[in-house]
Amino acid sequence: MKVLVTGVKGQLGFDAVKELERRGHQPIGVDVEEMDITDKSAVNRVMEELRPDALIHCAAWTAVDLAEDEENRERVRAVNGLGTAYLAEACSRLGCKMMYISTDYVFNGEGETPWQPDCKEYAPLSVYGQTKLEGELAVSGLLEKYFIVRIAWVFGLNGNNFIKTMLNVGKKYDTLRVVNDQIGTPTYTYDLARLLVDMIETDRYGYYHATNEGGYISWAEFATEIFRQAGMSTKVTPVTTEEYGVSKAARPKNSRLDKNKLVACGFAPLPTWQDALSRYLKELEKQDGTN
């Protein structure tokens, strides 16, 4: 199967291409240099030339706070909303199945009940969340053969993430203040890429939630486990979002995503986040050893 992957320079796009190669598919990874998704003519030209069987759309504006700046908003909307719509239109024309990677930020983040994949009670708190929702609505409105997969708290080798930040900052300070009232589950892109390829090989279309297993945790609990597994003595002081300090973009406090639909539709759940963290730290050590 010929599969086009956008955002190949990002954490997930990088791992998706590697997983497709492992399975014997024909992945074509592109980033903005090869296809600027905000340019409709460029999207149409590349899609016509390549004529993929499937598209895994990982490209996105993910700088949540910068998205709030007035001078960036038009660009954020162009990438996350319009660009996704251009790709969906092209997929519709070519009969190509599409997978759109979305986020828990499309919800309001209130309460403690895990969000269901087919919940339509959207109420994004930020420009990032609103534009990712615009992308979702474009895909579901233009296509029949689509997967919308919401993920959260992503970490991978090819890019920056919370784990790398904690390891770096933890070397400089004995104690760190970390938020304890935002609850969710981490997602290792290596594990997620396996699931996404499992899904794209089928026609079990629809909305899904995908994070690692292992239970819901706070960022403070995640940081504590990172330091424990890394053998670091850095201590974590749990604080509320308000105590930590207000950021430009509001963060959802409830990022719990219900993943039962995955198993119900015949897909294997991801390993626990604790196991994923252990494997990831070993991969980081390997990566550091080769640099």
C-alpha atoms as a PDB file:
ATOM      1  CA  MET A   1       0.000   0.000   0.000  1.00  0.00           C
ATOM      2  CA  LYS A   2       1.302   3.459  -0.917  1.00  0.00           C
ATOM      3  CA  VAL A   3       0.850   5.719   2.114  1.00  0.00           C
ATOM      4  CA  LEU A   4       1.551   9.451   2.191  1.00  0.00           C
ATOM      5  CA  VAL A   5       2.592  10.734   5.635  1.00  0.00           C
ATOM      6  CA  THR A   6       2.546  14.480   6.331  1.00  0.00           C
ATOM      7  CA  GLY A   7       4.681  16.050   9.050  1.00  0.00           C
ATOM      8  CA  VAL A   8       7.487  13.522   8.605  1.00  0.00           C
ATOM      9  CA  LYS A   9       9.911  15.718  10.560  1.00  0.00           C
ATOM     10  CA  GLY A  10       7.722  15.528  13.667  1.00  0.00           C
ATOM     11  CA  GLN A  11       7.694  12.877  16.386  1.00  0.00           C
ATOM     12  CA  LEU A  12       4.736  10.885  15.058  1.00  0.00           C
ATOM     13  CA  GLY A  13       5.275  11.304  11.314  1.00  0.00           C
ATOM     14  CA  PHE A  14       8.836  10.045  11.719  1.00  0.00           C
ATOM     15  CA  ASP A  15       7.732   6.884  13.539  1.00  0.00           C
ATOM     16  CA  ALA A  16       4.753   6.290  11.212  1.00  0.00           C
ATOM     17  CA  VAL A  17       7.064   6.136   8.188  1.00  0.00           C
ATOM     18  CA  LYS A  18       9.400   3.721   9.979  1.00  0.00           C
ATOM     19  CA  GLU A  19       6.496   1.443  10.964  1.00  0.00           C
ATOM     20  CA  LEU A  20       5.084   1.436   7.423  1.00  0.00           C
ATOM     21  CA  GLU A  21       8.507   0.448   6.093  1.00  0.00           C
ATOM     22  CA  ARG A  22       8.732  -2.376   8.635  1.00  0.00           C
ATOM     23  CA  ARG A  23       5.384  -3.729   7.374  1.00  0.00           C
ATOM     24  CA  GLY A  24       6.475  -3.690   3.739  1.00  0.00           C
ATOM     25  CA  HIS A  25       4.289  -0.761   2.694  1.00  0.00           C
ATOM     26  CA  GLN A  26       5.465   2.099   0.489  1.00  0.00           C
ATOM     27  CA  PRO A  27       5.545   5.192   2.713  1.00  0.00           C
ATOM     28  CA  ILE A  28       6.185   8.640   1.284  1.00  0.00           C
ATOM     29  CA  GLY A  29       7.028  11.139   3.990  1.00  0.00           C
ATOM     30  CA  VAL A  30       6.591  14.835   3.267  1.00  0.00           C
ATOM     31  CA  ASP A  31       7.002  18.050   5.209  1.00  0.00           C
ATOM     32  CA  VAL A  32       6.420  21.673   4.297  1.00  0.00           C
ATOM     33  CA  GLU A  33       9.312  21.705   1.810  1.00  0.00           C
ATOM     34  CA  GLU A  34       7.772  18.923  -0.294  1.00  0.00           C
ATOM     35  CA  MET A  35       4.120  19.917   0.173  1.00  0.00           C
ATOM     36  CA  ASP A  36       2.907  23.100   1.831  1.00  0.00           C
ATOM     37  CA  ILE A  37      -0.543  21.969   2.955  1.00  0.00           C
ATOM     38  CA  THR A  38      -1.723  25.602   3.187  1.00  0.00           C
ATOM     39  CA  ASP A  39      -1.259  25.904  -0.604  1.00  0.00           C
ATOM     40  CA  LYS A  40      -4.249  24.223  -2.259  1.00  0.00           C
ATOM     41  CA  SER A  41      -2.592  23.964  -5.675  1.00  0.00           C
ATOM     42  CA  ALA A  42       0.522  22.376  -4.129  1.00  0.00           C
ATOM     43  CA  VAL A  43      -1.634  19.834  -2.278  1.00  0.00           C
ATOM     44  CA  ASN A  44      -3.532  18.942  -5.442  1.00  0.00           C
ATOM     45  CA  ARG A  45      -0.349  18.674  -7.506  1.00  0.00           C
ATOM     46  CA  VAL A  46       1.443  16.360  -5.048  1.00  0.00           C
ATOM     47  CA  MET A  47      -1.631  14.217  -4.437  1.00  0.00           C
ATOM     48  CA  GLU A  48      -2.234  13.839  -8.199  1.00  0.00           C
ATOM     49  CA  GLU A  49       1.413  12.932  -8.803  1.00  0.00           C
ATOM     50  CA  LEU A  50       1.641  10.395  -5.980  1.00  0.00           C
ATOM     51  CA  ARG A  51      -1.931   9.043  -5.975  1.00  0.00           C
ATOM     52  CA  PRO A  52      -1.537   7.354  -2.568  1.00  0.00           C
ATOM     53  CA  ASP A  53      -3.857   4.607  -1.342  1.00  0.00           C
ATOM     54  CA  ALA A  54      -3.949   6.210   2.101  1.00  0.00           C
ATOM     55  CA  LEU A  55      -2.908   9.402   3.868  1.00  0.00           C
ATOM     56  CA  ILE A  56      -1.760   9.661   7.491  1.00  0.00           C
ATOM     57  CA  HIS A  57      -1.998  13.369   8.267  1.00  0.00           C
ATOM     58  CA  CYS A  58       0.375  14.151  11.161  1.00  0.00           C
ATOM     59  CA  ALA A  59       1.366  17.699  10.124  1.00  0.00           C
ATOM     60  CA  ALA A  60      -0.026  20.375  12.432  1.00  0.00           C
ATOM     61  CA  TRP A  61       0.720  23.609  14.232  1.00  0.00           C
ATOM     62  CA  THR A  62       1.253  22.287  17.762  1.00  0.00           C
ATOM     63  CA  ALA A  63       2.850  25.303  19.522  1.00  0.00           C
ATOM     64  CA  VAL A  64      -0.202  25.831  21.724  1.00  0.00           C
ATOM     65  CA  ASP A  65       0.802  29.114  23.372  1.00  0.00           C
ATOM     66  CA  LEU A  66       2.205  30.736  20.218  1.00  0.00           C
ATOM     67  CA  ALA A  67      -1.091  29.926  18.494  1.00  0.00           C
ATOM     68  CA  GLU A  68      -2.777  32.470  20.782  1.00  0.00           C
ATOM     69  CA  ASP A  69      -0.701  35.369  19.426  1.00  0.00           C
ATOM     70  CA  GLU A  70      -2.753  37.545  17.080  1.00  0.00           C
ATOM     71  CA  GLU A  71      -0.049  37.547  14.399  1.00  0.00           C
ATOM     72  CA  ASN A  72      -0.007  33.715  14.296  1.00  0.00           C
ATOM     73  CA  ARG A  73      -3.715  32.930  14.315  1.00  0.00           C
ATOM     74  CA  GLU A  74      -4.254  33.097  10.567  1.00  0.00           C
ATOM     75  CA  ARG A  75      -1.310  30.765   9.970  1.00  0.00           C
ATOM     76  CA  VAL A  76      -2.494  28.313  12.654  1.00  0.00           C
ATOM     77  CA  ARG A  77      -5.938  28.199  11.044  1.00  0.00           C
ATOM     78  CA  ALA A  78      -4.369  27.752   7.605  1.00  0.00           C
ATOM     79  CA  VAL A  79      -2.301  24.764   8.788  1.00  0.00           C
ATOM     80  CA  ASN A  80      -4.717  22.961  11.106  1.00  0.00           C
ATOM     81  CA  GLY A  81      -8.027  23.842   9.468  1.00  0.00           C
ATOM     82  CA  LEU A  82      -7.725  24.836   5.806  1.00  0.00           C
ATOM     83  CA  GLY A  83      -4.720  22.615   5.082  1.00  0.00           C
ATOM     84  CA  THR A  84      -6.575  19.605   6.440  1.00  0.00           C
ATOM     85  CA  ALA A  85      -9.605  20.511   4.317  1.00  0.00           C
ATOM     86  CA  TYR A  86      -7.447  20.718   1.168  1.00  0.00           C
ATOM     87  CA  LEU A  87      -6.066  17.252   1.898  1.00  0.00           C
ATOM     88  CA  ALA A  88      -9.542  15.856   2.587  1.00  0.00           C
ATOM     89  CA  GLU A  89     -10.839  17.281  -0.709  1.00  0.00           C
ATOM     90  CA  ALA A  90      -7.954  15.665  -2.582  1.00  0.00           C
ATOM     91  CA  CYS A  91      -8.522  12.333  -0.821  1.00  0.00           C
ATOM     92  CA  SER A  92     -12.209  12.482  -1.737  1.00  0.00           C
ATOM     93  CA  ARG A  93     -11.387  13.093  -5.384  1.00  0.00           C
ATOM     94  CA  LEU A  94      -8.829  10.285  -5.539  1.00  0.00           C
ATOM     95  CA  GLY A  95     -10.750   7.740  -3.433  1.00  0.00           C
ATOM     96  CA  CYS A  96      -7.901   7.734  -0.898  1.00  0.00           C
ATOM     97  CA  LYS A  97      -8.570   6.807   2.748  1.00  0.00           C
ATOM     98  CA  MET A  98      -7.486   9.481   5.227  1.00  0.00           C
ATOM     99  CA  MET A  99      -6.304   9.373   8.824  1.00  0.00           C
ATOM    100  CA  TYR A 100      -6.328  12.673  10.714  1.00  0.00           C
ATOM    101  CA  ILE A 101      -4.439  12.962  13.989  1.00  0.00           C
ATOM    102  CA  SER A 102      -6.370  15.138  16.427  1.00  0.00           C
ATOM    103  CA  THR A 103      -6.327  15.993  20.106  1.00  0.00           C
ATOM    104  CA  ASP A 104      -8.254  16.082  23.382  1.00  0.00           C
ATOM    105  CA  TYR A 105      -8.051  19.903  23.088  1.00  0.00           C
ATOM    106  CA  VAL A 106     -11.268  19.815  20.997  1.00  0.00           C
ATOM    107  CA  PHE A 107     -13.122  19.301  24.323  1.00  0.00           C
ATOM    108  CA  ASN A 108     -13.490  21.749  27.216  1.00  0.00           C
ATOM    109  CA  GLY A 109     -11.380  19.700  29.632  1.00  0.00           C
ATOM    110  CA  GLU A 110     -13.932  19.886  32.451  1.00  0.00           C
ATOM    111  CA  GLY A 111     -15.077  17.159  34.837  1.00  0.00           C
ATOM    112  CA  GLU A 112     -13.447  13.797  35.504  1.00  0.00           C
ATOM    113  CA  THR A 113     -15.325  11.537  33.089  1.00  0.00           C
ATOM    114  CA  PRO A 114     -13.150  10.188  30.242  1.00  0.00           C
ATOM    115  CA  TRP A 115     -14.089  11.625  26.843  1.00  0.00           C
ATOM    116  CA  GLN A 116     -15.734   9.172  24.455  1.00  0.00           C
ATOM    117  CA  PRO A 117     -14.448   9.119  20.844  1.00  0.00           C
ATOM    118  CA  ASP A 118     -17.910   9.704  19.388  1.00  0.00           C
ATOM    119  CA  CYS A 119     -18.729  12.566  21.778  1.00  0.00           C
ATOM    120  CA  LYS A 120     -19.722  15.669  19.811  1.00  0.00           C
ATOM    121  CA  GLU A 121     -19.795  18.088  22.750  1.00  0.00           C
ATOM    122  CA  TYR A 122     -16.943  20.169  21.393  1.00  0.00           C
ATOM    123  CA  ALA A 123     -15.873  23.275  23.306  1.00  0.00           C
ATOM    124  CA  PRO A 124     -12.177  24.006  22.664  1.00  0.00           C
ATOM    125  CA  LEU A 125     -10.516  26.426  25.080  1.00  0.00           C
ATOM    126  CA  SER A 126      -7.753  27.612  22.750  1.00  0.00           C
ATOM    127  CA  VAL A 127      -6.953  28.610  19.179  1.00  0.00           C
ATOM    128  CA  TYR A 128      -5.045  25.338  18.807  1.00  0.00           C
ATOM    129  CA  GLY A 129      -8.057  23.307  19.955  1.00  0.00           C
ATOM    130  CA  GLN A 130     -10.464  25.293  17.784  1.00  0.00           C
ATOM    131  CA  THR A 131      -8.349  24.868  14.632  1.00  0.00           C
ATOM    132  CA  LYS A 132      -7.822  21.154  15.241  1.00  0.00           C
ATOM    133  CA  LEU A 133     -11.597  20.849  15.563  1.00  0.00           C
ATOM    134  CA  GLU A 134     -11.965  22.681  12.233  1.00  0.00           C
ATOM    135  CA  GLY A 135      -9.710  20.005  10.750  1.00  0.00           C
ATOM    136  CA  GLU A 136     -11.853  17.233  12.258  1.00  0.00           C
ATOM    137  CA  LEU A 137     -15.037  18.726  10.858  1.00  0.00           C
ATOM    138  CA  ALA A 138     -13.486  19.107   7.411  1.00  0.00           C
ATOM    139  CA  VAL A 139     -12.450  15.445   7.328  1.00  0.00           C
ATOM    140  CA  SER A 140     -15.765  14.092   8.624  1.00  0.00           C
ATOM    141  CA  GLY A 141     -17.738  16.430   6.363  1.00  0.00           C
ATOM    142  CA  LEU A 142     -15.875  15.719   3.128  1.00  0.00           C
ATOM    143  CA  LEU A 143     -15.053  12.019   3.419  1.00  0.00           C
ATOM    144  CA  GLU A 144     -16.607   8.653   4.145  1.00  0.00           C
ATOM    145  CA  LYS A 145     -13.325   6.716   4.320  1.00  0.00           C
ATOM    146  CA  TYR A 146     -11.657   8.433   7.271  1.00  0.00           C
ATOM    147  CA  PHE A 147     -10.122   7.804  10.673  1.00  0.00           C
ATOM    148  CA  ILE A 148      -9.996  10.626  13.223  1.00  0.00           C
ATOM    149  CA  VAL A 149      -7.613   9.577  15.988  1.00  0.00           C
ATOM    150  CA  ARG A 150      -7.323  11.804  19.058  1.00  0.00           C
ATOM    151  CA  ILE A 151      -4.137  11.520  21.065  1.00  0.00           C
ATOM    152  CA  ALA A 152      -2.626  13.297  24.088  1.00  0.00           C
ATOM    153  CA  TRP A 153       0.657  13.935  25.897  1.00  0.00           C
ATOM    154  CA  VAL A 154       2.833  12.726  23.019  1.00  0.00           C
ATOM    155  CA  PHE A 155       6.512  11.789  23.275  1.00  0.00           C
ATOM    156  CA  GLY A 156       8.885  10.387  20.669  1.00  0.00           C
ATOM    157  CA  LEU A 157      12.557  10.386  19.700  1.00  0.00           C
ATOM    158  CA  ASN A 158      12.316  12.862  16.833  1.00  0.00           C
ATOM    159  CA  GLY A 159      11.476  16.139  18.576  1.00  0.00           C
ATOM    160  CA  ASN A 160      10.962  17.913  21.882  1.00  0.00           C
ATOM    161  CA  ASN A 161       8.543  16.727  24.552  1.00  0.00           C
ATOM    162  CA  PHE A 162       7.784  16.737  28.272  1.00  0.00           C
ATOM    163  CA  ILE A 163      10.183  13.872  29.090  1.00  0.00           C
ATOM    164  CA  LYS A 164      13.153  15.535  27.414  1.00  0.00           C
ATOM    165  CA  THR A 165      12.304  18.808  29.158  1.00  0.00           C
ATOM    166  CA  MET A 166      12.107  17.122  32.571  1.00  0.00           C
ATOM    167  CA  LEU A 167      15.417  15.304  32.068  1.00  0.00           C
ATOM    168  CA  ASN A 168      17.175  18.517  31.023  1.00  0.00           C
ATOM    169  CA  VAL A 169      15.685  20.758  33.712  1.00  0.00           C
ATOM    170  CA  GLY A 170      16.029  18.003  36.339  1.00  0.00           C
ATOM    171  CA  LYS A 171      19.813  18.081  35.882  1.00  0.00           C
ATOM    172  CA  LYS A 172      19.894  21.771  36.820  1.00  0.00           C
ATOM    173  CA  TYR A 173      17.514  21.878  39.788  1.00  0.00           C
ATOM    174  CA  ASP A 174      16.994  19.726  42.898  1.00  0.00           C
ATOM    175  CA  THR A 175      13.249  20.379  42.985  1.00  0.00           C
ATOM    176  CA  LEU A 176      10.720  21.181  40.262  1.00  0.00           C
ATOM    177  CA  ARG A 177       7.182  22.517  40.488  1.00  0.00           C
ATOM    178  CA  VAL A 178       4.891  20.472  38.212  1.00  0.00           C
ATOM    179  CA  VAL A 179       1.140  20.771  37.666  1.00  0.00           C
ATOM    180  CA  ASN A 180      -0.979  18.109  39.396  1.00  0.00           C
ATOM    181  CA  ASP A 181      -4.541  19.063  38.346  1.00  0.00           C
ATOM    182  CA  GLN A 182      -4.264  18.312  34.621  1.00  0.00           C
ATOM    183  CA  ILE A 183      -5.023  14.604  34.204  1.00  0.00           C
ATOM    184  CA  GLY A 184      -4.396  12.375  31.176  1.00  0.00           C
ATOM    185  CA  THR A 185      -2.251   9.566  29.799  1.00  0.00           C
ATOM    186  CA  PRO A 186       1.046   9.770  27.871  1.00  0.00           C
ATOM    187  CA  THR A 187       1.392   8.455  24.303  1.00  0.00           C
ATOM    188  CA  TYR A 188       4.641   7.010  22.917  1.00  0.00           C
ATOM    189  CA  THR A 189       4.789   7.639  19.166  1.00  0.00           C
ATOM    190  CA  TYR A 190       6.594   4.332  18.555  1.00  0.00           C
ATOM    191  CA  ASP A 191       3.620   2.437  20.014  1.00  0.00           C
ATOM    192  CA  LEU A 192       1.065   4.753  18.440  1.00  0.00           C
ATOM    193  CA  ALA A 193       2.586   4.329  14.970  1.00  0.00           C
ATOM    194  CA  ARG A 194       2.066   0.564  15.219  1.00  0.00           C
ATOM    195  CA  LEU A 195      -1.599   1.091  16.037  1.00  0.00           C
ATOM    196  CA  LEU A 196      -2.102   3.660  13.275  1.00  0.00           C
ATOM    197  CA  VAL A 197      -0.731   1.256  10.671  1.00  0.00           C
ATOM    198  CA  ASP A 198      -2.931  -1.525  12.095  1.00  0.00           C
ATOM    199  CA  MET A 199      -5.878   0.816  11.568  1.00  0.00           C
ATOM    200  CA  ILE A 200      -4.986   2.140   8.114  1.00  0.00           C
ATOM    201  CA  GLU A 201      -4.732  -1.464   6.870  1.00  0.00           C
ATOM    202  CA  THR A 202      -8.471  -1.864   7.598  1.00  0.00           C
ATOM    203  CA  ASP A 203     -11.714  -0.171   6.626  1.00  0.00           C
ATOM    204  CA  ARG A 204     -12.926   0.182  10.234  1.00  0.00           C
ATOM    205  CA  TYR A 205     -13.389   3.911   9.844  1.00  0.00           C
ATOM    206  CA  GLY A 206     -14.525   6.423  12.432  1.00  0.00           C
ATOM    207  CA  TYR A 207     -13.432   8.351  15.518  1.00  0.00           C
ATOM    208  CA  TYR A 208     -10.935   6.765  17.926  1.00  0.00           C
ATOM    209  CA  HIS A 209      -8.936   7.676  21.008  1.00  0.00           C
ATOM    210  CA  ALA A 210      -5.411   6.318  21.358  1.00  0.00           C
ATOM    211  CA  THR A 211      -2.961   6.724  24.227  1.00  0.00           C
ATOM    212  CA  ASN A 212      -0.863   4.225  26.131  1.00  0.00           C
ATOM    213  CA  GLU A 213      -2.572   2.117  28.803  1.00  0.00           C
ATOM    214  CA  GLY A 214      -1.563   2.243  32.478  1.00  0.00           C
ATOM    215  CA  GLY A 215      -4.139   4.584  33.960  1.00  0.00           C
ATOM    216  CA  TYR A 216      -4.755   8.320  34.169  1.00  0.00           C
ATOM    217  CA  ILE A 217      -2.118  10.468  35.862  1.00  0.00           C
ATOM    218  CA  SER A 218      -1.150  14.101  36.461  1.00  0.00           C
ATOM    219  CA  TRP A 219       1.883  15.782  34.915  1.00  0.00           C
ATOM    220  CA  ALA A 220       3.429  15.783  38.419  1.00  0.00           C
ATOM    221  CA  GLU A 221       3.005  12.013  38.698  1.00  0.00           C
ATOM    222  CA  PHE A 222       4.460  11.585  35.222  1.00  0.00           C
ATOM    223  CA  ALA A 223       7.483  13.724  36.152  1.00  0.00           C
ATOM    224  CA  THR A 224       8.005  11.736  39.369  1.00  0.00           C
ATOM    225  CA  GLU A 225       8.059   8.453  37.428  1.00  0.00           C
ATOM    226  CA  ILE A 226      10.411   9.922  34.798  1.00  0.00           C
ATOM    227  CA  PHE A 227      12.949  10.836  37.488  1.00  0.00           C
ATOM    228  CA  ARG A 228      12.506   7.490  39.254  1.00  0.00           C
ATOM    229  CA  GLN A 229      13.104   5.455  36.104  1.00  0.00           C
ATOM    230  CA  ALA A 230      15.990   7.703  35.038  1.00  0.00           C
ATOM    231  CA  GLY A 231      17.677   7.205  38.426  1.00  0.00           C
ATOM    232  CA  MET A 232      17.625  10.940  39.179  1.00  0.00           C
ATOM    233  CA  SER A 233      17.179  12.427  42.651  1.00  0.00           C
ATOM    234  CA  THR A 234      15.161  15.442  41.463  1.00  0.00           C
ATOM    235  CA  LYS A 235      12.091  16.007  43.629  1.00  0.00           C
ATOM    236  CA  VAL A 236       8.695  17.069  42.296  1.00  0.00           C
ATOM    237  CA  THR A 237       6.502  19.601  44.107  1.00  0.00           C
ATOM    238  CA  PRO A 238       2.892  19.238  42.897  1.00  0.00           C
ATOM    239  CA  VAL A 239       1.118  22.563  42.254  1.00  0.00           C
ATOM    240  CA  THR A 240      -2.202  23.606  40.751  1.00  0.00           C
ATOM    241  CA  THR A 241      -2.410  25.163  37.308  1.00  0.00           C
ATOM    242  CA  GLU A 242      -3.188  28.507  38.988  1.00  0.00           C
ATOM    243  CA  GLU A 243      -0.187  28.204  41.325  1.00  0.00           C
ATOM    244  CA  TYR A 244       2.099  27.308  38.431  1.00  0.00           C
ATOM    245  CA  GLY A 245       1.142  30.450  36.549  1.00  0.00           C
ATOM    246  CA  VAL A 246      -1.254  31.183  33.736  1.00  0.00           C
ATOM    247  CA  SER A 247      -0.041  30.372  30.230  1.00  0.00           C
ATOM    248  CA  LYS A 248      -1.340  32.094  27.107  1.00  0.00           C
ATOM    249  CA  ALA A 249      -3.465  29.114  26.100  1.00  0.00           C
ATOM    250  CA  ALA A 250      -5.824  27.440  28.550  1.00  0.00           C
ATOM    251  CA  ARG A 251      -4.945  23.784  29.142  1.00  0.00           C
ATOM    252  CA  PRO A 252      -7.676  21.172  29.588  1.00  0.00           C
ATOM    253  CA  LYS A 253      -7.658  19.769  33.111  1.00  0.00           C
ATOM    254  CA  ASN A 254      -9.482  16.627  32.016  1.00  0.00           C
ATOM    255  CA  SER A 255      -7.499  14.997  29.207  1.00  0.00           C
ATOM    256  CA  ARG A 256      -8.799  11.519  30.022  1.00  0.00           C
ATOM    257  CA  LEU A 257      -9.542   9.736  26.724  1.00  0.00           C
ATOM    258  CA  ASP A 258     -11.675   6.580  26.746  1.00  0.00           C
ATOM    259  CA  LYS A 259     -10.027   3.959  24.518  1.00  0.00           C
ATOM    260  CA  ASN A 260     -12.518   1.062  24.799  1.00  0.00           C
ATOM    261  CA  LYS A 261     -13.629   1.543  21.193  1.00  0.00           C
ATOM    262  CA  LEU A 262     -10.201   0.384  20.001  1.00  0.00           C
ATOM    263  CA  VAL A 263     -10.638  -3.075  21.496  1.00  0.00           C
ATOM    264  CA  ALA A 264     -14.311  -3.203  20.509  1.00  0.00           C
ATOM    265  CA  CYS A 265     -13.241  -2.666  16.890  1.00  0.00           C
ATOM    266  CA  GLY A 266     -10.560  -5.365  17.044  1.00  0.00           C
ATOM    267  CA  PHE A 267      -7.418  -3.274  17.592  1.00  0.00           C
ATOM    268  CA  ALA A 268      -4.778  -4.177  20.173  1.00  0.00           C
ATOM    269  CA  PRO A 269      -4.365  -1.538  22.892  1.00  0.00           C
ATOM    270  CA  LEU A 270      -1.021   0.149  23.409  1.00  0.00           C
ATOM    271  CA  PRO A 271       1.336  -1.045  26.190  1.00  0.00           C
ATOM    272  CA  THR A 272       1.296   0.772  29.532  1.00  0.00           C
ATOM    273  CA  TRP A 273       2.848   4.223  29.660  1.00  0.00           C
ATOM    274  CA  GLN A 274       5.203   3.009  32.409  1.00  0.00           C
ATOM    275  CA  ASP A 275       6.568   0.340  30.050  1.00  0.00           C
ATOM    276  CA  ALA A 276       6.665   2.850  27.188  1.00  0.00           C
ATOM    277  CA  LEU A 277       8.644   5.288  29.335  1.00  0.00           C
ATOM    278  CA  SER A 278      11.170   2.575  30.236  1.00  0.00           C
ATOM    279  CA  ARG A 279      11.712   1.680  26.572  1.00  0.00           C
ATOM    280  CA  TYR A 280      11.869   5.332  25.575  1.00  0.00           C
ATOM    281  CA  LEU A 281      14.567   6.164  28.133  1.00  0.00           C
ATOM    282  CA  LYS A 282      16.674   3.268  26.797  1.00  0.00           C
ATOM    283  CA  GLU A 283      16.211   4.601  23.243  1.00  0.00           C
ATOM    284  CA  LEU A 284      17.297   8.060  24.386  1.00  0.00           C
ATOM    285  CA  GLU A 285      20.435   6.558  25.935  1.00  0.00           C
ATOM    286  CA  LYS A 286      21.195   4.783  22.654  1.00  0.00           C
ATOM    287  CA  GLN A 287      20.578   7.971  20.699  1.00  0.00           C
ATOM    288  CA  ASP A 288      22.868   9.967  23.010  1.00  0.00           C
ATOM    289  CA  GLY A 289      25.544   7.312  22.643  1.00  0.00           C
ATOM    290  CA  THR A 290      25.583   7.643  18.864  1.00  0.00           C
ATOM    291  CA  ASN A 291      25.668  11.466  18.822  1.00  0.00           C
END
